[in-house]
Amino acid sequence: MFPDKYDSYLYIDQDKIREDLKKALKDALRITLSHITQKSSDIRAEKATQICYYRECGYTDEQIIDKILTDEYMDFCNNIGSAIKKQESRFRNPRNSAKIACFTESVQSKYMWDRYADGYKGFALEYDLRKCIFKYNSLGMDVNLFPVIYTELRPDVTLDEGNIHTYEYFKQVGDKNWLNFLSSMISVNQLYWYRSYLYKDQKEYEHEHEWRMLYYNLEDENNYASIPDVGCLNAIYYGPDIIPKDKDELHLIAVEKGLKEYDVALDAGSRRYDLRITAIK
């Protein structure tokens, strides 16, 4: 549920995907025509009957290819746009299986305190994540940590999306021979699903110095409490304008968990706007 509509917004050249898919379909049909000429046993009977009928009608092989493309395959190509839209919305659907935790590198960022800590009235938590991922992996959990990639250009995932749609088409039509061939030729980047959450506009967001922890729980969409505490929480920082009652309640939790505690305030002894961190004894 990213507040920025275009957070991690990918670039996909739909025209290129359609052209690449059309080329793959034509190549597949040329191979099919060749197999029919050679009377191969691998050809599906209904496809052979259709092509032989067109040949008897006097169509050339290229005309047969164009006719089959027009009659059978163009609807799939035309629906690529809506399929991509559905994919994009799924990335941002709070009911999807990806759980995302966001971190920043500096507890002294005034922007982060103002925007994400209720205008300095909140608190910040410090984690040491260096061993955290190994601990999650040892529990068999698919948890990974990445720095956000700030860039002036949206990441181009046309190739990945094109591979997905090409593979999906031949899977739908049940062309096992071509599907097996594609499986040996194309692959989806294993980081594709992660990259979709990691790119942000450099000019607008670079000052956040953000990292994201990504967790995929494919078995339970709604279990947000399924990420256990593996001992990575170190300290709590109280905002300059935190309500005393809130601070008292948080102090009890900090004592219970053995956390270090710090006050955050503007450095009154300097003309600079720096936030000063003071340890609470």
Protein backbone atom coordinates (compact mmCIF):
# COMPACT_ATOMS: atom_id res chain seq x y z
CA MET A 1 0.00 0.00 0.00
CA PHE A 2 2.68 2.47 -1.08
CA PRO A 3 1.55 6.10 -0.60
CA ASP A 4 3.26 7.09 -3.86
CA LYS A 5 1.22 5.80 -6.80
CA TYR A 6 4.35 5.44 -8.94
CA ASP A 7 6.63 3.85 -6.36
CA SER A 8 8.54 1.02 -8.10
CA TYR A 9 6.69 1.63 -11.37
CA LEU A 10 8.16 -0.55 -14.12
CA TYR A 11 8.64 0.23 -17.81
CA ILE A 12 7.27 -2.29 -20.29
CA ASP A 13 7.38 -1.78 -24.07
CA GLN A 14 4.11 -3.47 -25.01
CA ASP A 15 4.61 -2.98 -28.75
CA LYS A 16 7.92 -4.86 -28.60
CA ILE A 17 6.31 -7.71 -26.65
CA ARG A 18 3.57 -8.02 -29.28
CA GLU A 19 6.11 -8.02 -32.11
CA ASP A 20 8.37 -10.57 -30.38
CA LEU A 21 5.40 -12.82 -29.62
CA LYS A 22 4.18 -12.55 -33.21
CA LYS A 23 7.65 -13.54 -34.44
CA ALA A 24 7.72 -16.52 -32.05
CA LEU A 25 4.29 -17.60 -33.28
CA LYS A 26 5.37 -17.37 -36.90
CA ASP A 27 8.50 -19.41 -36.17
CA ALA A 28 6.40 -22.03 -34.41
CA LEU A 29 3.99 -22.22 -37.34
CA ARG A 30 6.84 -22.56 -39.85
CA ILE A 31 8.17 -25.50 -37.85
CA THR A 32 4.66 -26.99 -37.73
CA LEU A 33 4.30 -26.66 -41.50
CA SER A 34 7.67 -28.34 -41.98
CA HIS A 35 6.67 -31.20 -39.66
CA ILE A 36 3.42 -31.70 -41.61
CA THR A 37 5.34 -31.83 -44.88
CA GLN A 38 7.66 -34.42 -43.34
CA LYS A 39 4.66 -36.29 -41.83
CA SER A 40 6.09 -36.08 -38.35
CA SER A 41 4.27 -37.97 -35.61
CA ASP A 42 4.63 -34.99 -33.22
CA ILE A 43 1.96 -32.88 -34.92
CA ARG A 44 -1.42 -32.43 -33.22
CA ALA A 45 -4.16 -33.88 -35.46
CA GLU A 46 -6.45 -30.85 -35.38
CA LYS A 47 -3.61 -28.52 -36.38
CA ALA A 48 -2.51 -30.81 -39.22
CA THR A 49 -6.10 -31.05 -40.51
CA GLN A 50 -6.48 -27.27 -40.51
CA ILE A 51 -3.20 -26.63 -42.33
CA CYS A 52 -3.81 -29.39 -44.91
CA TYR A 53 -7.22 -27.85 -45.61
CA TYR A 54 -5.66 -24.44 -46.26
CA ARG A 55 -3.06 -26.02 -48.54
CA GLU A 56 -5.79 -27.74 -50.55
CA CYS A 57 -7.45 -24.34 -50.89
CA GLY A 58 -4.29 -23.09 -52.61
CA TYR A 59 -2.82 -20.94 -49.83
CA THR A 60 0.96 -20.60 -49.72
CA ASP A 61 2.70 -21.41 -46.43
CA GLU A 62 3.20 -17.72 -45.61
CA GLN A 63 -0.50 -17.04 -46.34
CA ILE A 64 -1.45 -19.92 -44.05
CA ILE A 65 0.73 -18.48 -41.30
CA ASP A 66 -0.83 -15.03 -41.68
CA LYS A 67 -4.36 -16.49 -41.72
CA ILE A 68 -3.84 -18.56 -38.56
CA LEU A 69 -2.25 -15.59 -36.81
CA THR A 70 -5.21 -13.39 -37.73
CA ASP A 71 -7.87 -15.97 -36.89
CA GLU A 72 -6.52 -17.46 -33.68
CA TYR A 73 -3.69 -15.55 -32.09
CA MET A 74 -4.40 -11.84 -32.37
CA ASP A 75 -6.87 -11.80 -29.47
CA PHE A 76 -4.11 -13.04 -27.17
CA CYS A 77 -1.70 -10.39 -28.49
CA ASN A 78 -4.33 -7.67 -28.08
CA ASN A 79 -4.97 -8.73 -24.48
CA ILE A 80 -1.34 -8.30 -23.44
CA GLY A 81 -2.00 -4.70 -22.36
CA SER A 82 -4.78 -5.68 -19.96
CA ALA A 83 -2.69 -8.61 -18.64
CA ILE A 84 0.18 -6.22 -17.83
CA LYS A 85 -2.23 -3.82 -16.09
CA LYS A 86 -3.48 -6.68 -13.96
CA GLN A 87 0.11 -7.59 -13.11
CA GLU A 88 0.91 -4.02 -12.06
CA SER A 89 -2.16 -3.80 -9.82
CA ARG A 90 -1.26 -7.15 -8.23
CA PHE A 91 2.11 -5.72 -7.17
CA ARG A 92 0.29 -3.03 -5.19
CA ASN A 93 -2.57 -5.14 -3.85
CA PRO A 94 -2.35 -5.37 -0.04
CA ARG A 95 -3.68 -8.93 -0.31
CA ASN A 96 -0.72 -10.21 -2.29
CA SER A 97 1.82 -12.57 -0.79
CA ALA A 98 4.68 -10.06 -0.52
CA LYS A 99 5.36 -8.50 2.86
CA ILE A 100 7.59 -5.41 2.73
CA ALA A 101 9.35 -3.73 5.64
CA CYS A 102 10.98 -0.35 4.94
CA PHE A 103 14.08 1.00 6.68
CA THR A 104 16.24 4.10 6.46
CA GLU A 105 19.98 4.35 7.14
CA SER A 106 19.98 7.39 9.43
CA VAL A 107 17.93 8.11 12.55
CA GLN A 108 18.94 11.78 12.23
CA SER A 109 16.96 12.44 9.04
CA LYS A 110 14.52 15.25 9.77
CA TYR A 111 12.50 14.43 6.66
CA MET A 112 11.92 10.86 7.83
CA TRP A 113 10.93 11.96 11.34
CA ASP A 114 8.50 14.51 9.94
CA ARG A 115 6.86 12.25 7.36
CA TYR A 116 6.93 8.83 8.99
CA ALA A 117 6.91 9.54 12.74
CA ASP A 118 3.77 11.67 13.02
CA GLY A 119 5.60 14.98 12.79
CA TYR A 120 8.32 14.16 15.36
CA LYS A 121 5.77 12.76 17.86
CA GLY A 122 6.62 9.14 17.12
CA PHE A 123 9.62 6.89 17.70
CA ALA A 124 12.24 5.04 15.67
CA LEU A 125 13.61 1.53 16.07
CA GLU A 126 17.19 0.49 15.37
CA TYR A 127 17.92 -2.94 13.95
CA ASP A 128 21.16 -4.79 13.33
CA LEU A 129 20.24 -6.78 10.24
CA ARG A 130 23.69 -8.18 9.42
CA LYS A 131 22.86 -11.65 10.73
CA CYS A 132 19.11 -11.32 10.41
CA ILE A 133 18.72 -12.76 6.89
CA PHE A 134 20.83 -15.82 7.72
CA LYS A 135 18.63 -16.49 10.74
CA TYR A 136 15.46 -16.28 8.65
CA ASN A 137 16.92 -18.54 5.99
CA SER A 138 17.86 -21.09 8.64
CA LEU A 139 14.14 -21.13 9.57
CA GLY A 140 13.28 -21.88 5.94
CA MET A 141 11.81 -18.40 5.33
CA ASP A 142 12.27 -16.62 2.01
CA VAL A 143 13.38 -13.25 3.44
CA ASN A 144 15.78 -10.91 1.64
CA LEU A 145 17.08 -7.40 2.24
CA PHE A 146 17.93 -4.93 -0.55
CA PRO A 147 18.83 -1.24 -0.82
CA VAL A 148 16.32 0.74 -2.86
CA ILE A 149 17.74 1.64 -6.27
CA TYR A 150 17.31 5.34 -7.01
CA THR A 151 17.30 6.09 -10.72
CA GLU A 152 16.09 8.66 -13.23
CA LEU A 153 14.80 5.87 -15.50
CA ARG A 154 12.22 3.23 -14.74
CA PRO A 155 13.67 -0.29 -14.95
CA ASP A 156 12.99 -1.87 -18.34
CA VAL A 157 11.44 -5.32 -17.75
CA THR A 158 10.20 -5.78 -21.33
CA LEU A 159 12.30 -8.90 -21.85
CA ASP A 160 11.06 -10.56 -18.65
CA GLU A 161 7.42 -9.72 -19.40
CA GLY A 162 7.82 -10.82 -23.02
CA ASN A 163 9.19 -14.19 -21.94
CA ILE A 164 6.29 -14.63 -19.52
CA HIS A 165 3.64 -13.89 -22.16
CA THR A 166 5.31 -15.98 -24.86
CA TYR A 167 5.61 -18.94 -22.52
CA GLU A 168 2.03 -18.46 -21.29
CA TYR A 169 0.63 -18.46 -24.81
CA PHE A 170 2.18 -21.78 -25.85
CA LYS A 171 1.13 -23.22 -22.50
CA GLN A 172 -2.48 -22.21 -23.17
CA VAL A 173 -2.60 -23.69 -26.66
CA GLY A 174 -1.02 -26.92 -25.47
CA ASP A 175 1.94 -26.89 -27.86
CA LYS A 176 4.24 -29.12 -25.79
CA ASN A 177 7.03 -29.29 -28.36
CA TRP A 178 7.35 -25.53 -28.66
CA LEU A 179 6.86 -25.14 -24.89
CA ASN A 180 9.78 -27.50 -24.21
CA PHE A 181 11.88 -25.60 -26.73
CA LEU A 182 11.05 -22.28 -25.05
CA SER A 183 11.86 -23.72 -21.63
CA SER A 184 15.40 -24.39 -22.81
CA MET A 185 15.76 -20.99 -24.48
CA ILE A 186 14.16 -18.41 -22.20
CA SER A 187 14.10 -17.79 -18.48
CA VAL A 188 12.58 -15.14 -16.26
CA ASN A 189 15.12 -13.19 -14.22
CA GLN A 190 14.96 -14.64 -10.71
CA LEU A 191 15.17 -11.12 -9.27
CA TYR A 192 12.23 -9.89 -11.36
CA TRP A 193 9.69 -10.07 -8.53
CA TYR A 194 12.10 -8.34 -6.17
CA ARG A 195 13.06 -5.60 -8.62
CA SER A 196 9.42 -4.60 -8.93
CA TYR A 197 9.58 -3.26 -5.37
CA LEU A 198 13.06 -1.74 -5.39
CA TYR A 199 13.17 1.14 -7.89
CA LYS A 200 12.29 4.74 -6.98
CA ASP A 201 12.65 8.14 -8.61
CA GLN A 202 16.12 9.47 -7.76
CA LYS A 203 15.23 13.16 -7.78
CA GLU A 204 12.24 12.80 -5.46
CA TYR A 205 13.32 10.08 -3.03
CA GLU A 206 17.09 9.62 -2.87
CA HIS A 207 17.28 11.50 0.44
CA GLU A 208 15.34 8.68 2.15
CA HIS A 209 18.29 6.23 1.89
CA GLU A 210 15.78 3.40 2.02
CA TRP A 211 16.27 -0.36 2.33
CA ARG A 212 13.49 -2.91 1.96
CA MET A 213 13.08 -6.33 3.49
CA LEU A 214 10.94 -8.57 1.28
CA TYR A 215 9.20 -11.69 2.48
CA TYR A 216 7.09 -14.04 0.38
CA ASN A 217 4.58 -16.14 2.26
CA LEU A 218 2.75 -18.06 -0.45
CA GLU A 219 0.79 -20.22 2.00
CA ASP A 220 -1.05 -17.50 3.91
CA GLU A 221 -1.85 -14.13 2.30
CA ASN A 222 -3.10 -12.52 5.50
CA ASN A 223 -0.58 -13.67 8.10
CA TYR A 224 1.33 -10.46 8.75
CA ALA A 225 2.49 -11.72 12.15
CA SER A 226 4.32 -14.71 10.73
CA ILE A 227 7.77 -13.07 10.70
CA PRO A 228 9.32 -14.03 14.05
CA ASP A 229 11.63 -11.91 16.20
CA VAL A 230 15.14 -13.24 15.62
CA GLY A 231 16.91 -10.86 18.00
CA CYS A 232 17.84 -8.04 15.59
CA LEU A 233 16.18 -5.16 17.46
CA ASN A 234 18.78 -3.06 19.31
CA ALA A 235 17.42 0.31 20.38
CA ILE A 236 14.53 2.76 20.48
CA TYR A 237 14.71 6.51 19.77
CA TYR A 238 12.07 8.87 21.15
CA GLY A 239 11.00 11.75 18.91
CA PRO A 240 11.40 15.37 20.09
CA ASP A 241 7.64 15.84 20.52
CA ILE A 242 6.62 12.38 21.73
CA ILE A 243 3.70 12.37 24.20
CA PRO A 244 5.01 11.52 27.70
CA LYS A 245 2.36 8.79 28.17
CA ASP A 246 3.53 7.08 24.96
CA LYS A 247 7.15 7.35 26.03
CA ASP A 248 6.40 5.79 29.42
CA GLU A 249 4.64 2.81 27.80
CA LEU A 250 7.47 2.32 25.29
CA HIS A 251 10.05 2.55 28.09
CA LEU A 252 8.46 -0.46 29.81
CA ILE A 253 8.68 -2.46 26.58
CA ALA A 254 12.30 -1.36 26.04
CA VAL A 255 13.25 -2.51 29.56
CA GLU A 256 11.47 -5.84 29.02
CA LYS A 257 13.32 -6.45 25.74
CA GLY A 258 16.67 -5.08 26.92
CA LEU A 259 16.77 -2.27 24.35
CA LYS A 260 19.00 0.78 24.51
CA GLU A 261 17.05 4.06 24.70
CA TYR A 262 17.82 7.46 23.18
CA ASP A 263 16.24 10.91 23.10
CA VAL A 264 16.21 12.83 19.82
CA ALA A 265 16.11 16.65 19.81
CA LEU A 266 17.32 19.64 17.82
CA ASP A 267 20.85 20.61 18.94
CA ALA A 268 20.08 23.82 20.84
CA GLY A 269 23.77 24.63 21.26
CA SER A 270 24.43 24.99 17.54
CA ARG A 271 23.12 27.22 14.74
CA ARG A 272 22.78 24.14 12.54
CA TYR A 273 19.57 22.16 12.15
CA ASP A 274 21.21 18.91 13.25
CA LEU A 275 19.28 16.46 15.40
CA ARG A 276 21.18 15.43 18.52
CA ILE A 277 21.05 11.89 19.90
CA THR A 278 21.34 11.54 23.70
CA ALA A 279 21.57 8.16 25.42
CA ILE A 280 19.17 7.56 28.29
CA LYS A 281 20.97 6.01 31.25
